[in-house]
Amino acid sequence: MGWAAPGWAVPSYNIGALPIVKDIFAGTSPDNLGVHDGLLSPCPESPNCVVTQDADESHSIAPITYQTDLDIAKETLLKVLKVVPRTEVIEQTDDYIRAQSTSRLMGFIDDIEFYFPTDKKVIEMRSASRLGESDIGVNRRRLEQIRLAIADLNV
């Protein structure tokens, strides 16, 4: 649809709006998600993942600290996740939250995990792209924005 007579409107298509494109780039949920022996899964070698536990320098990110009790910290995190664009909570237990964030244009899915160890006032985190090599720092920036939002709420 590249040609149009003068004065005719040419429809513009957002490739991300095409369901087949989103399905292609969504990938499948990894089978290593969750908490295993008190740890979130390590990142793969690709640079599109960050994690707070047992990570090398390029994949490491600091956990979120909180001063309230665990229930309030968890409730606050869930409220913050509700306003993170294109993000949906998929699973939650007493000490774990898993969410998915979908990119606006192509429908890439990132898996985001939060673990609340009962022995310390921190939220351990992991965010990883399902597909591709680079995420241009999206996973790290998303977790840092979540950290700032929780800090702004004085948790």
C-alpha atoms as a PDB file:
ATOM      1  CA  MET A   1       0.000   0.000   0.000  1.00  0.00           C
ATOM      2  CA  GLY A   2       2.819   2.364  -0.838  1.00  0.00           C
ATOM      3  CA  TRP A   3       1.046   4.211  -3.661  1.00  0.00           C
ATOM      4  CA  ALA A   4      -1.856   6.594  -3.275  1.00  0.00           C
ATOM      5  CA  ALA A   5      -3.373   9.226  -5.469  1.00  0.00           C
ATOM      6  CA  PRO A   6      -2.886  12.801  -4.286  1.00  0.00           C
ATOM      7  CA  GLY A   7      -5.229  13.550  -1.409  1.00  0.00           C
ATOM      8  CA  TRP A   8      -5.927   9.909  -0.599  1.00  0.00           C
ATOM      9  CA  ALA A   9      -5.217   8.686   2.877  1.00  0.00           C
ATOM     10  CA  VAL A  10      -2.864   5.758   3.085  1.00  0.00           C
ATOM     11  CA  PRO A  11      -3.578   3.606   6.118  1.00  0.00           C
ATOM     12  CA  SER A  12      -0.629   3.179   8.437  1.00  0.00           C
ATOM     13  CA  TYR A  13      -0.264  -0.213  10.038  1.00  0.00           C
ATOM     14  CA  ASN A  14       1.407  -0.806  13.362  1.00  0.00           C
ATOM     15  CA  ILE A  15       3.221  -4.098  12.865  1.00  0.00           C
ATOM     16  CA  GLY A  16       2.894  -4.818  16.600  1.00  0.00           C
ATOM     17  CA  ALA A  17      -0.874  -4.782  16.265  1.00  0.00           C
ATOM     18  CA  LEU A  18      -0.787  -7.848  14.026  1.00  0.00           C
ATOM     19  CA  PRO A  19      -1.469 -10.873  16.266  1.00  0.00           C
ATOM     20  CA  ILE A  20       0.701 -13.230  14.224  1.00  0.00           C
ATOM     21  CA  VAL A  21       3.734 -10.973  14.750  1.00  0.00           C
ATOM     22  CA  LYS A  22       3.159 -10.836  18.492  1.00  0.00           C
ATOM     23  CA  ASP A  23       2.858 -14.627  18.626  1.00  0.00           C
ATOM     24  CA  ILE A  24       6.153 -15.046  16.766  1.00  0.00           C
ATOM     25  CA  PHE A  25       8.092 -12.848  19.197  1.00  0.00           C
ATOM     26  CA  ALA A  26       6.372 -13.911  22.434  1.00  0.00           C
ATOM     27  CA  GLY A  27       8.441 -17.056  22.908  1.00  0.00           C
ATOM     28  CA  THR A  28       7.544 -19.670  25.482  1.00  0.00           C
ATOM     29  CA  SER A  29       7.764 -19.427  29.239  1.00  0.00           C
ATOM     30  CA  PRO A  30      11.098 -20.829  30.459  1.00  0.00           C
ATOM     31  CA  ASP A  31      10.976 -23.881  32.707  1.00  0.00           C
ATOM     32  CA  ASN A  32      13.629 -22.528  35.111  1.00  0.00           C
ATOM     33  CA  LEU A  33      11.499 -19.765  36.658  1.00  0.00           C
ATOM     34  CA  GLY A  34      10.788 -19.693  40.370  1.00  0.00           C
ATOM     35  CA  VAL A  35      12.824 -20.005  43.539  1.00  0.00           C
ATOM     36  CA  HIS A  36      15.153 -22.987  43.834  1.00  0.00           C
ATOM     37  CA  ASP A  37      16.972 -23.525  47.137  1.00  0.00           C
ATOM     38  CA  GLY A  38      16.380 -19.874  48.076  1.00  0.00           C
ATOM     39  CA  LEU A  39      17.677 -18.509  44.760  1.00  0.00           C
ATOM     40  CA  LEU A  40      16.192 -17.171  41.571  1.00  0.00           C
ATOM     41  CA  SER A  41      17.663 -18.740  38.440  1.00  0.00           C
ATOM     42  CA  PRO A  42      20.965 -17.355  37.193  1.00  0.00           C
ATOM     43  CA  CYS A  43      21.041 -15.363  33.968  1.00  0.00           C
ATOM     44  CA  PRO A  44      22.137 -16.943  30.726  1.00  0.00           C
ATOM     45  CA  GLU A  45      25.265 -15.538  29.063  1.00  0.00           C
ATOM     46  CA  SER A  46      23.204 -13.210  26.844  1.00  0.00           C
ATOM     47  CA  PRO A  47      23.083  -9.570  28.018  1.00  0.00           C
ATOM     48  CA  ASN A  48      19.264  -9.433  28.151  1.00  0.00           C
ATOM     49  CA  CYS A  49      18.911 -10.493  31.789  1.00  0.00           C
ATOM     50  CA  VAL A  50      19.617  -9.090  35.257  1.00  0.00           C
ATOM     51  CA  VAL A  51      19.388 -10.809  38.625  1.00  0.00           C
ATOM     52  CA  THR A  52      20.159  -9.877  42.236  1.00  0.00           C
ATOM     53  CA  GLN A  53      21.578 -13.207  43.372  1.00  0.00           C
ATOM     54  CA  ASP A  54      24.844 -14.893  42.381  1.00  0.00           C
ATOM     55  CA  ALA A  55      25.383 -12.863  39.211  1.00  0.00           C
ATOM     56  CA  ASP A  56      28.488 -11.714  37.407  1.00  0.00           C
ATOM     57  CA  GLU A  57      29.062  -7.966  37.075  1.00  0.00           C
ATOM     58  CA  SER A  58      27.245  -7.547  33.758  1.00  0.00           C
ATOM     59  CA  HIS A  59      24.083  -9.318  34.974  1.00  0.00           C
ATOM     60  CA  SER A  60      24.046  -8.073  38.574  1.00  0.00           C
ATOM     61  CA  ILE A  61      21.511  -5.650  40.004  1.00  0.00           C
ATOM     62  CA  ALA A  62      20.947  -4.739  43.660  1.00  0.00           C
ATOM     63  CA  PRO A  63      17.860  -6.055  45.474  1.00  0.00           C
ATOM     64  CA  ILE A  64      15.187  -3.695  46.734  1.00  0.00           C
ATOM     65  CA  THR A  65      15.369  -3.084  50.470  1.00  0.00           C
ATOM     66  CA  TYR A  66      12.314  -2.242  52.529  1.00  0.00           C
ATOM     67  CA  GLN A  67      11.658  -1.118  56.114  1.00  0.00           C
ATOM     68  CA  THR A  68       8.043  -2.264  56.581  1.00  0.00           C
ATOM     69  CA  ASP A  69       6.856  -5.816  57.026  1.00  0.00           C
ATOM     70  CA  LEU A  70       6.814  -8.351  54.198  1.00  0.00           C
ATOM     71  CA  ASP A  71       3.060  -8.137  53.581  1.00  0.00           C
ATOM     72  CA  ILE A  72       3.154  -4.371  53.082  1.00  0.00           C
ATOM     73  CA  ALA A  73       6.225  -4.631  50.843  1.00  0.00           C
ATOM     74  CA  LYS A  74       4.525  -7.285  48.723  1.00  0.00           C
ATOM     75  CA  GLU A  75       1.262  -5.320  48.539  1.00  0.00           C
ATOM     76  CA  THR A  76       3.178  -2.203  47.499  1.00  0.00           C
ATOM     77  CA  LEU A  77       5.079  -4.080  44.807  1.00  0.00           C
ATOM     78  CA  LEU A  78       1.805  -5.458  43.416  1.00  0.00           C
ATOM     79  CA  LYS A  79       0.391  -1.905  43.257  1.00  0.00           C
ATOM     80  CA  VAL A  80       3.494  -0.698  41.433  1.00  0.00           C
ATOM     81  CA  LEU A  81       3.323  -3.582  38.957  1.00  0.00           C
ATOM     82  CA  LYS A  82      -0.260  -2.613  38.094  1.00  0.00           C
ATOM     83  CA  VAL A  83       0.991   0.679  36.635  1.00  0.00           C
ATOM     84  CA  VAL A  84       4.028  -0.674  34.804  1.00  0.00           C
ATOM     85  CA  PRO A  85       3.002  -0.503  31.144  1.00  0.00           C
ATOM     86  CA  ARG A  86       2.032  -3.789  29.460  1.00  0.00           C
ATOM     87  CA  THR A  87       2.883  -5.790  32.589  1.00  0.00           C
ATOM     88  CA  GLU A  88       0.722  -8.523  34.059  1.00  0.00           C
ATOM     89  CA  VAL A  89       1.150 -10.525  37.272  1.00  0.00           C
ATOM     90  CA  ILE A  90       1.079 -14.210  36.351  1.00  0.00           C
ATOM     91  CA  GLU A  91       1.721 -15.947  39.675  1.00  0.00           C
ATOM     92  CA  GLN A  92       2.034 -15.071  43.338  1.00  0.00           C
ATOM     93  CA  THR A  93       2.666 -17.000  46.510  1.00  0.00           C
ATOM     94  CA  ASP A  94       3.535 -15.921  50.055  1.00  0.00           C
ATOM     95  CA  ASP A  95       7.142 -15.156  49.090  1.00  0.00           C
ATOM     96  CA  TYR A  96       7.183 -14.916  45.275  1.00  0.00           C
ATOM     97  CA  ILE A  97       5.677 -12.866  42.441  1.00  0.00           C
ATOM     98  CA  ARG A  98       6.084 -13.560  38.743  1.00  0.00           C
ATOM     99  CA  ALA A  99       5.027 -11.093  36.068  1.00  0.00           C
ATOM    100  CA  GLN A 100       5.355 -10.712  32.318  1.00  0.00           C
ATOM    101  CA  SER A 101       6.019  -7.511  30.444  1.00  0.00           C
ATOM    102  CA  THR A 102       5.287  -7.278  26.720  1.00  0.00           C
ATOM    103  CA  SER A 103       7.063  -4.847  24.406  1.00  0.00           C
ATOM    104  CA  ARG A 104       4.764  -2.382  22.714  1.00  0.00           C
ATOM    105  CA  LEU A 105       5.845  -2.752  19.136  1.00  0.00           C
ATOM    106  CA  MET A 106       6.857  -6.342  18.493  1.00  0.00           C
ATOM    107  CA  GLY A 107       5.354  -8.221  21.433  1.00  0.00           C
ATOM    108  CA  PHE A 108       8.586  -9.545  22.964  1.00  0.00           C
ATOM    109  CA  ILE A 109       7.920 -10.930  26.458  1.00  0.00           C
ATOM    110  CA  ASP A 110      10.201 -10.460  29.445  1.00  0.00           C
ATOM    111  CA  ASP A 111       9.746 -12.637  32.542  1.00  0.00           C
ATOM    112  CA  ILE A 112      10.057 -10.705  35.804  1.00  0.00           C
ATOM    113  CA  GLU A 113      10.427 -12.390  39.179  1.00  0.00           C
ATOM    114  CA  PHE A 114      10.457 -11.127  42.757  1.00  0.00           C
ATOM    115  CA  TYR A 115      11.400 -13.225  45.772  1.00  0.00           C
ATOM    116  CA  PHE A 116      10.872 -12.166  49.407  1.00  0.00           C
ATOM    117  CA  PRO A 117      13.271 -14.134  51.641  1.00  0.00           C
ATOM    118  CA  THR A 118      11.798 -14.341  55.141  1.00  0.00           C
ATOM    119  CA  ASP A 119      15.163 -13.870  56.861  1.00  0.00           C
ATOM    120  CA  LYS A 120      15.923 -10.364  55.503  1.00  0.00           C
ATOM    121  CA  LYS A 121      14.060  -7.249  54.370  1.00  0.00           C
ATOM    122  CA  VAL A 122      14.930  -7.370  50.683  1.00  0.00           C
ATOM    123  CA  ILE A 123      13.150  -8.172  47.476  1.00  0.00           C
ATOM    124  CA  GLU A 124      15.359 -10.303  45.258  1.00  0.00           C
ATOM    125  CA  MET A 125      14.671  -9.723  41.549  1.00  0.00           C
ATOM    126  CA  ARG A 126      15.257 -11.231  38.139  1.00  0.00           C
ATOM    127  CA  SER A 127      14.156  -9.963  34.747  1.00  0.00           C
ATOM    128  CA  ALA A 128      15.003 -11.684  31.471  1.00  0.00           C
ATOM    129  CA  SER A 129      13.969 -11.565  27.835  1.00  0.00           C
ATOM    130  CA  ARG A 130      12.648 -14.825  26.436  1.00  0.00           C
ATOM    131  CA  LEU A 131      14.086 -14.286  22.973  1.00  0.00           C
ATOM    132  CA  GLY A 132      16.938 -12.445  21.335  1.00  0.00           C
ATOM    133  CA  GLU A 133      20.367 -11.412  22.428  1.00  0.00           C
ATOM    134  CA  SER A 134      20.230  -7.776  23.483  1.00  0.00           C
ATOM    135  CA  ASP A 135      17.408  -5.910  25.180  1.00  0.00           C
ATOM    136  CA  ILE A 136      19.154  -2.507  25.019  1.00  0.00           C
ATOM    137  CA  GLY A 137      19.042  -2.395  28.836  1.00  0.00           C
ATOM    138  CA  VAL A 138      15.239  -2.631  29.086  1.00  0.00           C
ATOM    139  CA  ASN A 139      15.188  -5.275  31.852  1.00  0.00           C
ATOM    140  CA  ARG A 140      17.633  -3.341  34.037  1.00  0.00           C
ATOM    141  CA  ARG A 141      15.790  -0.026  33.523  1.00  0.00           C
ATOM    142  CA  ARG A 142      12.419  -1.601  34.326  1.00  0.00           C
ATOM    143  CA  LEU A 143      13.658  -3.016  37.634  1.00  0.00           C
ATOM    144  CA  GLU A 144      15.344   0.288  38.530  1.00  0.00           C
ATOM    145  CA  GLN A 145      12.080   2.145  37.841  1.00  0.00           C
ATOM    146  CA  ILE A 146      10.228  -0.309  40.074  1.00  0.00           C
ATOM    147  CA  ARG A 147      12.870   0.284  42.773  1.00  0.00           C
ATOM    148  CA  LEU A 148      12.359   4.070  42.512  1.00  0.00           C
ATOM    149  CA  ALA A 149       8.574   3.727  42.676  1.00  0.00           C
ATOM    150  CA  ILE A 150       8.769   1.628  45.827  1.00  0.00           C
ATOM    151  CA  ALA A 151      11.232   4.085  47.401  1.00  0.00           C
ATOM    152  CA  ASP A 152       8.859   6.965  46.572  1.00  0.00           C
ATOM    153  CA  LEU A 153       6.142   5.120  48.499  1.00  0.00           C
ATOM    154  CA  ASN A 154       8.394   4.982  51.613  1.00  0.00           C
ATOM    155  CA  VAL A 155       8.309   1.239  51.953  1.00  0.00           C
END
